[in-house]
Amino acid sequence: LGTEDYGKGDTALCEGPMVLVDDYVSITFTTRD
């Protein structure tokens, strides 16, 4: 949720599954809003 200057009020939403790869977490997103 944007809060500053011209970005105030703008929003974005993404989601995806989390998987463990070696010693880190990887997320591949799908399109939302």
PDB file of all heavy atoms in Angstrom:
ATOM      1  N   LEU A   1       0.860  -1.188   0.000  1.00  0.00           N
ATOM      2  CA  LEU A   1       0.000   0.000   0.000  1.00  0.00           C
ATOM      3  C   LEU A   1       0.890   1.230   0.000  1.00  0.00           C
ATOM      4  O   LEU A   1       1.674   1.450   0.934  1.00  0.00           O
ATOM      5  CB  LEU A   1      -0.902   0.020   1.239  1.00  0.00           C
ATOM      6  CG  LEU A   1      -1.703   1.320   1.476  1.00  0.00           C
ATOM      7  CD1 LEU A   1      -2.703   1.541   0.339  1.00  0.00           C
ATOM      8  CD2 LEU A   1      -2.407   1.284   2.825  1.00  0.00           C
ATOM      9  N   GLY A   2       0.824   2.034  -1.059  1.00  0.00           N
ATOM     10  CA  GLY A   2       1.630   3.249  -1.142  1.00  0.00           C
ATOM     11  C   GLY A   2       1.173   4.299  -0.148  1.00  0.00           C
ATOM     12  O   GLY A   2      -0.031   4.469   0.080  1.00  0.00           O
ATOM     13  N   THR A   3       2.128   5.023   0.441  1.00  0.00           N
ATOM     14  CA  THR A   3       1.792   6.034   1.460  1.00  0.00           C
ATOM     15  C   THR A   3       2.440   7.378   1.207  1.00  0.00           C
ATOM     16  O   THR A   3       2.188   8.333   1.948  1.00  0.00           O
ATOM     17  CB  THR A   3       2.223   5.550   2.858  1.00  0.00           C
ATOM     18  OG1 THR A   3       3.642   5.291   2.855  1.00  0.00           O
ATOM     19  CG2 THR A   3       1.478   4.288   3.261  1.00  0.00           C
ATOM     20  N   GLU A   4       3.288   7.493   0.185  1.00  0.00           N
ATOM     21  CA  GLU A   4       4.076   8.716   0.024  1.00  0.00           C
ATOM     22  C   GLU A   4       3.833   9.340  -1.358  1.00  0.00           C
ATOM     23  O   GLU A   4       3.792   8.642  -2.384  1.00  0.00           O
ATOM     24  CB  GLU A   4       5.567   8.419   0.185  1.00  0.00           C
ATOM     25  CG  GLU A   4       5.918   7.755   1.503  1.00  0.00           C
ATOM     26  CD  GLU A   4       6.588   8.687   2.479  1.00  0.00           C
ATOM     27  OE1 GLU A   4       6.913   9.822   2.086  1.00  0.00           O
ATOM     28  OE2 GLU A   4       6.789   8.287   3.639  1.00  0.00           O
ATOM     29  N   ASP A   5       3.670  10.674  -1.378  1.00  0.00           N
ATOM     30  CA  ASP A   5       3.619  11.458  -2.607  1.00  0.00           C
ATOM     31  C   ASP A   5       2.630  10.859  -3.622  1.00  0.00           C
ATOM     32  O   ASP A   5       1.525  10.496  -3.259  1.00  0.00           O
ATOM     33  CB  ASP A   5       5.027  11.577  -3.217  1.00  0.00           C
ATOM     34  CG  ASP A   5       6.018  12.189  -2.241  1.00  0.00           C
ATOM     35  OD1 ASP A   5       5.575  13.011  -1.412  1.00  0.00           O
ATOM     36  OD2 ASP A   5       7.196  11.843  -2.286  1.00  0.00           O
ATOM     37  N   TYR A   6       3.053  10.737  -4.888  1.00  0.00           N
ATOM     38  CA  TYR A   6       2.123  10.282  -5.916  1.00  0.00           C
ATOM     39  C   TYR A   6       1.739   8.808  -5.751  1.00  0.00           C
ATOM     40  O   TYR A   6       0.762   8.340  -6.317  1.00  0.00           O
ATOM     41  CB  TYR A   6       2.701  10.519  -7.310  1.00  0.00           C
ATOM     42  CG  TYR A   6       3.951   9.709  -7.616  1.00  0.00           C
ATOM     43  CD1 TYR A   6       3.873   8.361  -7.965  1.00  0.00           C
ATOM     44  CD2 TYR A   6       5.204  10.309  -7.564  1.00  0.00           C
ATOM     45  CE1 TYR A   6       5.011   7.627  -8.248  1.00  0.00           C
ATOM     46  CE2 TYR A   6       6.347   9.579  -7.853  1.00  0.00           C
ATOM     47  CZ  TYR A   6       6.244   8.240  -8.192  1.00  0.00           C
ATOM     48  OH  TYR A   6       7.365   7.529  -8.469  1.00  0.00           O
ATOM     49  N   GLY A   7       2.504   8.040  -4.954  1.00  0.00           N
ATOM     50  CA  GLY A   7       2.181   6.633  -4.743  1.00  0.00           C
ATOM     51  C   GLY A   7       1.127   6.399  -3.677  1.00  0.00           C
ATOM     52  O   GLY A   7       0.661   5.270  -3.494  1.00  0.00           O
ATOM     53  N   LYS A   8       0.731   7.482  -2.992  1.00  0.00           N
ATOM     54  CA  LYS A   8      -0.195   7.336  -1.874  1.00  0.00           C
ATOM     55  C   LYS A   8      -1.515   6.736  -2.347  1.00  0.00           C
ATOM     56  O   LYS A   8      -2.165   7.232  -3.274  1.00  0.00           O
ATOM     57  CB  LYS A   8      -0.432   8.686  -1.212  1.00  0.00           C
ATOM     58  CG  LYS A   8      -1.165   8.611   0.118  1.00  0.00           C
ATOM     59  CD  LYS A   8      -1.173   9.964   0.809  1.00  0.00           C
ATOM     60  CE  LYS A   8      -1.822   9.867   2.186  1.00  0.00           C
ATOM     61  NZ  LYS A   8      -1.800  11.173   2.888  1.00  0.00           N
ATOM     62  N   GLY A   9      -1.930   5.658  -1.691  1.00  0.00           N
ATOM     63  CA  GLY A   9      -3.191   5.009  -2.009  1.00  0.00           C
ATOM     64  C   GLY A   9      -3.092   3.914  -3.052  1.00  0.00           C
ATOM     65  O   GLY A   9      -4.033   3.126  -3.212  1.00  0.00           O
ATOM     66  N   ASP A  10      -1.977   3.830  -3.779  1.00  0.00           N
ATOM     67  CA  ASP A  10      -1.803   2.758  -4.755  1.00  0.00           C
ATOM     68  C   ASP A  10      -1.608   1.428  -4.031  1.00  0.00           C
ATOM     69  O   ASP A  10      -1.093   1.379  -2.908  1.00  0.00           O
ATOM     70  CB  ASP A  10      -0.589   3.030  -5.645  1.00  0.00           C
ATOM     71  CG  ASP A  10      -0.823   4.179  -6.611  1.00  0.00           C
ATOM     72  OD1 ASP A  10      -1.989   4.583  -6.758  1.00  0.00           O
ATOM     73  OD2 ASP A  10       0.158   4.663  -7.197  1.00  0.00           O
ATOM     74  N   THR A  11      -2.006   0.336  -4.669  1.00  0.00           N
ATOM     75  CA  THR A  11      -1.855  -0.987  -4.071  1.00  0.00           C
ATOM     76  C   THR A  11      -1.333  -1.972  -5.101  1.00  0.00           C
ATOM     77  O   THR A  11      -1.449  -1.760  -6.317  1.00  0.00           O
ATOM     78  CB  THR A  11      -3.195  -1.513  -3.513  1.00  0.00           C
ATOM     79  OG1 THR A  11      -4.131  -1.631  -4.586  1.00  0.00           O
ATOM     80  CG2 THR A  11      -3.743  -0.579  -2.447  1.00  0.00           C
ATOM     81  N   ALA A  12      -0.770  -3.060  -4.612  1.00  0.00           N
ATOM     82  CA  ALA A  12      -0.343  -4.158  -5.465  1.00  0.00           C
ATOM     83  C   ALA A  12      -0.405  -5.439  -4.644  1.00  0.00           C
ATOM     84  O   ALA A  12      -0.167  -5.421  -3.431  1.00  0.00           O
ATOM     85  CB  ALA A  12       1.063  -3.931  -5.997  1.00  0.00           C
ATOM     86  N   LEU A  13      -0.727  -6.538  -5.303  1.00  0.00           N
ATOM     87  CA  LEU A  13      -0.886  -7.815  -4.608  1.00  0.00           C
ATOM     88  C   LEU A  13      -0.371  -8.935  -5.499  1.00  0.00           C
ATOM     89  O   LEU A  13      -0.759  -9.052  -6.663  1.00  0.00           O
ATOM     90  CB  LEU A  13      -2.359  -8.063  -4.277  1.00  0.00           C
ATOM     91  CG  LEU A  13      -2.715  -9.391  -3.615  1.00  0.00           C
ATOM     92  CD1 LEU A  13      -2.097  -9.461  -2.222  1.00  0.00           C
ATOM     93  CD2 LEU A  13      -4.226  -9.553  -3.541  1.00  0.00           C
ATOM     94  N   CYS A  14       0.541  -9.749  -4.967  1.00  0.00           N
ATOM     95  CA  CYS A  14       1.056 -10.908  -5.682  1.00  0.00           C
ATOM     96  C   CYS A  14       1.121 -12.084  -4.714  1.00  0.00           C
ATOM     97  O   CYS A  14       1.245 -11.895  -3.504  1.00  0.00           O
ATOM     98  CB  CYS A  14       2.449 -10.641  -6.244  1.00  0.00           C
ATOM     99  SG  CYS A  14       2.503  -9.376  -7.525  1.00  0.00           S
ATOM    100  N   GLU A  15       1.054 -13.306  -5.263  1.00  0.00           N
ATOM    101  CA  GLU A  15       1.156 -14.476  -4.406  1.00  0.00           C
ATOM    102  C   GLU A  15       1.794 -15.612  -5.175  1.00  0.00           C
ATOM    103  O   GLU A  15       1.903 -15.582  -6.406  1.00  0.00           O
ATOM    104  CB  GLU A  15      -0.212 -14.901  -3.893  1.00  0.00           C
ATOM    105  CG  GLU A  15      -1.160 -15.413  -4.956  1.00  0.00           C
ATOM    106  CD  GLU A  15      -2.474 -15.891  -4.370  1.00  0.00           C
ATOM    107  OE1 GLU A  15      -2.720 -15.647  -3.184  1.00  0.00           O
ATOM    108  OE2 GLU A  15      -3.247 -16.512  -5.127  1.00  0.00           O
ATOM    109  N   GLY A  16       2.214 -16.608  -4.432  1.00  0.00           N
ATOM    110  CA  GLY A  16       2.809 -17.777  -5.061  1.00  0.00           C
ATOM    111  C   GLY A  16       3.216 -18.788  -4.029  1.00  0.00           C
ATOM    112  O   GLY A  16       3.243 -18.504  -2.821  1.00  0.00           O
ATOM    113  N   PRO A  17       3.583 -19.973  -4.456  1.00  0.00           N
ATOM    114  CA  PRO A  17       4.021 -21.017  -3.532  1.00  0.00           C
ATOM    115  C   PRO A  17       5.471 -20.818  -3.104  1.00  0.00           C
ATOM    116  O   PRO A  17       6.289 -20.297  -3.867  1.00  0.00           O
ATOM    117  CB  PRO A  17       3.861 -22.291  -4.363  1.00  0.00           C
ATOM    118  CG  PRO A  17       4.080 -21.834  -5.772  1.00  0.00           C
ATOM    119  CD  PRO A  17       3.495 -20.454  -5.845  1.00  0.00           C
ATOM    120  N   MET A  18       5.781 -21.200  -1.860  1.00  0.00           N
ATOM    121  CA  MET A  18       7.141 -21.146  -1.343  1.00  0.00           C
ATOM    122  C   MET A  18       7.749 -22.546  -1.390  1.00  0.00           C
ATOM    123  O   MET A  18       7.094 -23.528  -1.021  1.00  0.00           O
ATOM    124  CB  MET A  18       7.161 -20.655   0.107  1.00  0.00           C
ATOM    125  CG  MET A  18       6.687 -19.248   0.319  1.00  0.00           C
ATOM    126  SD  MET A  18       6.898 -18.719   2.050  1.00  0.00           S
ATOM    127  CE  MET A  18       5.742 -19.812   2.895  1.00  0.00           C
ATOM    128  N   VAL A  19       9.003 -22.616  -1.824  1.00  0.00           N
ATOM    129  CA  VAL A  19       9.718 -23.895  -1.796  1.00  0.00           C
ATOM    130  C   VAL A  19      11.102 -23.655  -1.218  1.00  0.00           C
ATOM    131  O   VAL A  19      11.677 -22.559  -1.352  1.00  0.00           O
ATOM    132  CB  VAL A  19       9.826 -24.521  -3.206  1.00  0.00           C
ATOM    133  CG1 VAL A  19       8.452 -24.888  -3.733  1.00  0.00           C
ATOM    134  CG2 VAL A  19      10.550 -23.587  -4.163  1.00  0.00           C
ATOM    135  N   LEU A  20      11.636 -24.663  -0.579  1.00  0.00           N
ATOM    136  CA  LEU A  20      12.968 -24.578  -0.003  1.00  0.00           C
ATOM    137  C   LEU A  20      13.974 -25.091  -1.023  1.00  0.00           C
ATOM    138  O   LEU A  20      13.857 -26.215  -1.539  1.00  0.00           O
ATOM    139  CB  LEU A  20      13.033 -25.416   1.274  1.00  0.00           C
ATOM    140  CG  LEU A  20      14.265 -25.211   2.160  1.00  0.00           C
ATOM    141  CD1 LEU A  20      14.316 -23.775   2.671  1.00  0.00           C
ATOM    142  CD2 LEU A  20      14.243 -26.194   3.324  1.00  0.00           C
ATOM    143  N   VAL A  21      14.963 -24.258  -1.358  1.00  0.00           N
ATOM    144  CA  VAL A  21      16.012 -24.615  -2.307  1.00  0.00           C
ATOM    145  C   VAL A  21      17.347 -24.449  -1.599  1.00  0.00           C
ATOM    146  O   VAL A  21      17.743 -23.326  -1.265  1.00  0.00           O
ATOM    147  CB  VAL A  21      15.962 -23.738  -3.573  1.00  0.00           C
ATOM    148  CG1 VAL A  21      17.069 -24.155  -4.534  1.00  0.00           C
ATOM    149  CG2 VAL A  21      14.606 -23.833  -4.242  1.00  0.00           C
ATOM    150  N   ASP A  22      18.027 -25.553  -1.367  1.00  0.00           N
ATOM    151  CA  ASP A  22      19.282 -25.510  -0.604  1.00  0.00           C
ATOM    152  C   ASP A  22      19.021 -24.828   0.740  1.00  0.00           C
ATOM    153  O   ASP A  22      18.223 -25.313   1.527  1.00  0.00           O
ATOM    154  CB  ASP A  22      20.374 -24.801  -1.408  1.00  0.00           C
ATOM    155  CG  ASP A  22      20.728 -25.560  -2.676  1.00  0.00           C
ATOM    156  OD1 ASP A  22      20.633 -26.799  -2.669  1.00  0.00           O
ATOM    157  OD2 ASP A  22      21.086 -24.896  -3.674  1.00  0.00           O
ATOM    158  N   ASP A  23      19.662 -23.657   0.965  1.00  0.00           N
ATOM    159  CA  ASP A  23      19.506 -22.984   2.259  1.00  0.00           C
ATOM    160  C   ASP A  23      18.694 -21.698   2.156  1.00  0.00           C
ATOM    161  O   ASP A  23      18.804 -20.814   2.996  1.00  0.00           O
ATOM    162  CB  ASP A  23      20.873 -22.676   2.869  1.00  0.00           C
ATOM    163  CG  ASP A  23      21.710 -21.753   1.988  1.00  0.00           C
ATOM    164  OD1 ASP A  23      21.322 -21.546   0.815  1.00  0.00           O
ATOM    165  OD2 ASP A  23      22.742 -21.235   2.471  1.00  0.00           O
ATOM    166  N   TYR A  24      17.864 -21.571   1.124  1.00  0.00           N
ATOM    167  CA  TYR A  24      17.046 -20.377   0.995  1.00  0.00           C
ATOM    168  C   TYR A  24      15.639 -20.738   0.526  1.00  0.00           C
ATOM    169  O   TYR A  24      15.365 -21.869   0.091  1.00  0.00           O
ATOM    170  CB  TYR A  24      17.684 -19.368   0.042  1.00  0.00           C
ATOM    171  CG  TYR A  24      17.838 -19.832  -1.385  1.00  0.00           C
ATOM    172  CD1 TYR A  24      16.816 -19.670  -2.321  1.00  0.00           C
ATOM    173  CD2 TYR A  24      19.025 -20.426  -1.811  1.00  0.00           C
ATOM    174  CE1 TYR A  24      16.956 -20.091  -3.631  1.00  0.00           C
ATOM    175  CE2 TYR A  24      19.176 -20.853  -3.124  1.00  0.00           C
ATOM    176  CZ  TYR A  24      18.147 -20.686  -4.027  1.00  0.00           C
ATOM    177  OH  TYR A  24      18.285 -21.102  -5.319  1.00  0.00           O
ATOM    178  N   VAL A  25      14.746 -19.729   0.618  1.00  0.00           N
ATOM    179  CA  VAL A  25      13.354 -19.896   0.240  1.00  0.00           C
ATOM    180  C   VAL A  25      13.134 -19.233  -1.106  1.00  0.00           C
ATOM    181  O   VAL A  25      13.577 -18.098  -1.325  1.00  0.00           O
ATOM    182  CB  VAL A  25      12.414 -19.274   1.295  1.00  0.00           C
ATOM    183  CG1 VAL A  25      10.957 -19.375   0.855  1.00  0.00           C
ATOM    184  CG2 VAL A  25      12.616 -19.949   2.639  1.00  0.00           C
ATOM    185  N   SER A  26      12.443 -19.893  -2.006  1.00  0.00           N
ATOM    186  CA  SER A  26      12.165 -19.346  -3.332  1.00  0.00           C
ATOM    187  C   SER A  26      10.659 -19.272  -3.547  1.00  0.00           C
ATOM    188  O   SER A  26       9.926 -20.202  -3.202  1.00  0.00           O
ATOM    189  CB  SER A  26      12.802 -20.215  -4.417  1.00  0.00           C
ATOM    190  OG  SER A  26      12.512 -19.713  -5.704  1.00  0.00           O
ATOM    191  N   ILE A  27      10.205 -18.134  -4.091  1.00  0.00           N
ATOM    192  CA  ILE A  27       8.794 -17.940  -4.420  1.00  0.00           C
ATOM    193  C   ILE A  27       8.696 -17.565  -5.890  1.00  0.00           C
ATOM    194  O   ILE A  27       9.385 -16.645  -6.344  1.00  0.00           O
ATOM    195  CB  ILE A  27       8.144 -16.824  -3.584  1.00  0.00           C
ATOM    196  CG1 ILE A  27       8.325 -17.082  -2.092  1.00  0.00           C
ATOM    197  CG2 ILE A  27       6.674 -16.682  -3.924  1.00  0.00           C
ATOM    198  CD1 ILE A  27       9.394 -16.219  -1.493  1.00  0.00           C
ATOM    199  N   THR A  28       7.850 -18.245  -6.646  1.00  0.00           N
ATOM    200  CA  THR A  28       7.556 -17.861  -8.022  1.00  0.00           C
ATOM    201  C   THR A  28       6.137 -17.319  -8.056  1.00  0.00           C
ATOM    202  O   THR A  28       5.177 -18.032  -7.751  1.00  0.00           O
ATOM    203  CB  THR A  28       7.693 -19.051  -8.981  1.00  0.00           C
ATOM    204  OG1 THR A  28       9.026 -19.557  -8.912  1.00  0.00           O
ATOM    205  CG2 THR A  28       7.388 -18.616 -10.412  1.00  0.00           C
ATOM    206  N   PHE A  29       5.994 -16.036  -8.403  1.00  0.00           N
ATOM    207  CA  PHE A  29       4.711 -15.345  -8.267  1.00  0.00           C
ATOM    208  C   PHE A  29       3.772 -15.617  -9.436  1.00  0.00           C
ATOM    209  O   PHE A  29       4.192 -15.901 -10.558  1.00  0.00           O
ATOM    210  CB  PHE A  29       4.935 -13.834  -8.158  1.00  0.00           C
ATOM    211  CG  PHE A  29       5.572 -13.416  -6.870  1.00  0.00           C
ATOM    212  CD1 PHE A  29       6.884 -12.980  -6.847  1.00  0.00           C
ATOM    213  CD2 PHE A  29       4.862 -13.454  -5.678  1.00  0.00           C
ATOM    214  CE1 PHE A  29       7.478 -12.582  -5.669  1.00  0.00           C
ATOM    215  CE2 PHE A  29       5.443 -13.064  -4.492  1.00  0.00           C
ATOM    216  CZ  PHE A  29       6.758 -12.631  -4.478  1.00  0.00           C
ATOM    217  N   THR A  30       2.486 -15.475  -9.130  1.00  0.00           N
ATOM    218  CA  THR A  30       1.449 -15.436 -10.151  1.00  0.00           C
ATOM    219  C   THR A  30       0.870 -14.031 -10.167  1.00  0.00           C
ATOM    220  O   THR A  30       1.029 -13.273  -9.213  1.00  0.00           O
ATOM    221  CB  THR A  30       0.341 -16.452  -9.845  1.00  0.00           C
ATOM    222  OG1 THR A  30      -0.214 -16.175  -8.558  1.00  0.00           O
ATOM    223  CG2 THR A  30       0.882 -17.868  -9.864  1.00  0.00           C
ATOM    224  N   THR A  31       0.193 -13.659 -11.249  1.00  0.00           N
ATOM    225  CA  THR A  31      -0.352 -12.310 -11.385  1.00  0.00           C
ATOM    226  C   THR A  31      -1.599 -12.146 -10.537  1.00  0.00           C
ATOM    227  O   THR A  31      -2.472 -12.997 -10.541  1.00  0.00           O
ATOM    228  CB  THR A  31      -0.691 -12.008 -12.849  1.00  0.00           C
ATOM    229  OG1 THR A  31       0.485 -12.169 -13.627  1.00  0.00           O
ATOM    230  CG2 THR A  31      -1.196 -10.579 -13.004  1.00  0.00           C
ATOM    231  N   ARG A  32      -1.697 -11.055  -9.822  1.00  0.00           N
ATOM    232  CA  ARG A  32      -2.910 -10.758  -9.072  1.00  0.00           C
ATOM    233  C   ARG A  32      -3.385  -9.357  -9.419  1.00  0.00           C
ATOM    234  O   ARG A  32      -3.927  -9.126 -10.478  1.00  0.00           O
ATOM    235  CB  ARG A  32      -2.675 -10.909  -7.553  1.00  0.00           C
ATOM    236  CG  ARG A  32      -2.644 -12.378  -7.116  1.00  0.00           C
ATOM    237  CD  ARG A  32      -3.978 -13.083  -7.341  1.00  0.00           C
ATOM    238  NE  ARG A  32      -5.050 -12.486  -6.593  1.00  0.00           N
ATOM    239  CZ  ARG A  32      -5.368 -12.802  -5.345  1.00  0.00           C
ATOM    240  NH1 ARG A  32      -4.689 -13.734  -4.716  1.00  0.00           N
ATOM    241  NH2 ARG A  32      -6.371 -12.210  -4.723  1.00  0.00           N
ATOM    242  N   ASP A  33      -3.109  -8.389  -8.583  1.00  0.00           N
ATOM    243  CA  ASP A  33      -3.729  -7.070  -8.749  1.00  0.00           C
ATOM    244  C   ASP A  33      -2.687  -5.971  -8.650  1.00  0.00           C
ATOM    245  O   ASP A  33      -1.939  -5.921  -7.676  1.00  0.00           O
ATOM    246  CB  ASP A  33      -4.798  -6.876  -7.670  1.00  0.00           C
ATOM    247  CG  ASP A  33      -5.455  -5.499  -7.760  1.00  0.00           C
ATOM    248  OD1 ASP A  33      -5.734  -5.049  -8.878  1.00  0.00           O
ATOM    249  OD2 ASP A  33      -5.660  -4.890  -6.699  1.00  0.00           O
TER     250      ASP A  33
END
